[in-house]
Amino acid sequence: MPHVLQVDFDMDGPYGPAMATAFEGLARSINAEPGFLWKIWTEDAEARQAGGIYLFDTQAHAQAYLEMHSRRLTQAGIRNIRARIFAVNEALTAINHGPLKA
């Protein structure tokens, strides 16, 4: 069953096109994570927050990624990491055209 991982944290930047350039390598590396299906990158430059919404094929893969990613963020000096994992109701998501595949 697919699971959504929601992560956000305080970040001083960069944002917008500079963020896309700075994190392109990271974005490409995420594609190789076990069970990863897709990610939507989120940012709010005014509130100085960033993060993402991820879809993994299982709760175990979402949890493993969260643990690794939290360590990586902490090592980069990021604090106030907020995260939640949710099961996906596939039947209702399909009605609303939610992408459940890579």
Protein backbone atom coordinates (compact mmCIF):
# COMPACT_ATOMS: atom_id res chain seq x y z
CA MET A 1 0.00 0.00 0.00
CA PRO A 2 1.42 3.43 -0.91
CA HIS A 3 2.37 5.83 1.86
CA VAL A 4 2.87 9.58 1.74
CA LEU A 5 5.76 11.15 3.63
CA GLN A 6 5.32 14.84 4.43
CA VAL A 7 8.46 16.70 5.53
CA ASP A 8 9.09 20.38 6.18
CA PHE A 9 11.75 22.32 8.02
CA ASP A 10 13.17 25.79 8.57
CA MET A 11 15.73 26.78 5.92
CA ASP A 12 17.49 30.02 5.14
CA GLY A 13 17.55 29.30 1.41
CA PRO A 14 18.16 29.19 -1.45
CA TYR A 15 14.69 29.27 -2.99
CA GLY A 16 13.21 29.33 -6.49
CA PRO A 17 15.58 28.83 -9.43
CA ALA A 18 18.62 28.99 -7.14
CA MET A 19 17.16 26.14 -5.08
CA ALA A 20 16.58 24.09 -8.24
CA THR A 21 20.21 24.55 -9.24
CA ALA A 22 21.62 23.92 -5.76
CA PHE A 23 19.63 20.74 -5.14
CA GLU A 24 19.53 19.17 -8.61
CA GLY A 25 22.03 16.47 -7.63
CA LEU A 26 20.06 15.65 -4.49
CA ALA A 27 16.82 15.51 -6.50
CA ARG A 28 18.36 13.04 -8.94
CA SER A 29 19.74 10.87 -6.12
CA ILE A 30 16.32 10.57 -4.47
CA ASN A 31 15.10 8.68 -7.55
CA ALA A 32 17.32 5.74 -6.53
CA GLU A 33 15.88 5.39 -3.01
CA PRO A 34 14.18 2.04 -2.31
CA GLY A 35 10.44 2.20 -2.84
CA PHE A 36 10.47 5.84 -4.00
CA LEU A 37 7.73 6.75 -6.48
CA TRP A 38 7.69 10.56 -6.65
CA LYS A 39 8.29 13.81 -4.79
CA ILE A 40 6.78 17.28 -4.89
CA TRP A 41 9.27 19.87 -3.64
CA THR A 42 7.76 22.61 -1.44
CA GLU A 43 9.07 26.02 -0.46
CA ASP A 44 7.93 29.19 1.24
CA ALA A 45 10.71 31.77 1.02
CA GLU A 46 8.79 34.32 3.08
CA ALA A 47 8.32 31.88 5.98
CA ARG A 48 11.82 30.46 5.34
CA GLN A 49 10.54 26.88 5.13
CA ALA A 50 11.08 24.08 2.65
CA GLY A 51 10.36 20.41 2.33
CA GLY A 52 8.46 17.95 0.25
CA ILE A 53 5.64 15.50 -0.23
CA TYR A 54 6.88 12.03 -1.17
CA LEU A 55 5.13 8.86 -2.25
CA PHE A 56 6.68 5.50 -1.35
CA ASP A 57 5.39 2.03 -2.14
CA THR A 58 5.33 0.94 1.53
CA GLN A 59 5.36 2.40 5.01
CA ALA A 60 8.67 0.68 5.69
CA HIS A 61 10.34 2.41 2.73
CA ALA A 62 8.88 5.78 3.77
CA GLN A 63 10.13 5.29 7.34
CA ALA A 64 13.61 4.23 6.21
CA TYR A 65 13.90 7.26 3.94
CA LEU A 66 12.67 9.59 6.69
CA GLU A 67 15.31 8.31 9.10
CA MET A 68 18.12 8.69 6.54
CA HIS A 69 16.88 12.09 5.35
CA SER A 70 16.49 13.43 8.91
CA ARG A 71 20.12 12.49 9.62
CA ARG A 72 21.24 14.17 6.38
CA LEU A 73 19.30 17.36 7.17
CA THR A 74 20.61 17.48 10.74
CA GLN A 75 24.19 17.05 9.50
CA ALA A 76 23.59 19.98 7.13
CA GLY A 77 22.57 22.16 10.08
CA ILE A 78 18.82 22.00 9.50
CA ARG A 79 16.68 22.10 12.62
CA ASN A 80 12.95 21.95 13.37
CA ILE A 81 12.32 19.00 11.07
CA ARG A 82 8.64 18.09 11.02
CA ALA A 83 7.49 14.87 9.38
CA ARG A 84 4.48 12.57 9.15
CA ILE A 85 3.73 9.37 7.28
CA PHE A 86 0.21 8.65 6.05
CA ALA A 87 -1.36 5.59 4.43
CA VAL A 88 -3.02 6.41 1.10
CA ASN A 89 -6.67 5.57 0.50
CA GLU A 90 -6.19 4.39 -3.07
CA ALA A 91 -9.90 4.23 -4.00
CA LEU A 92 -10.63 7.83 -3.05
CA THR A 93 -7.31 9.09 -4.42
CA ALA A 94 -8.10 7.51 -7.81
CA ILE A 95 -11.43 9.38 -7.95
CA ASN A 96 -9.49 12.65 -7.57
CA HIS A 97 -6.81 11.70 -10.14
CA GLY A 98 -4.03 11.36 -7.54
CA PRO A 99 -0.86 9.89 -9.06
CA LEU A 100 -0.12 6.61 -7.32
CA LYS A 101 2.56 5.36 -9.73
CA ALA A 102 5.97 6.58 -10.74
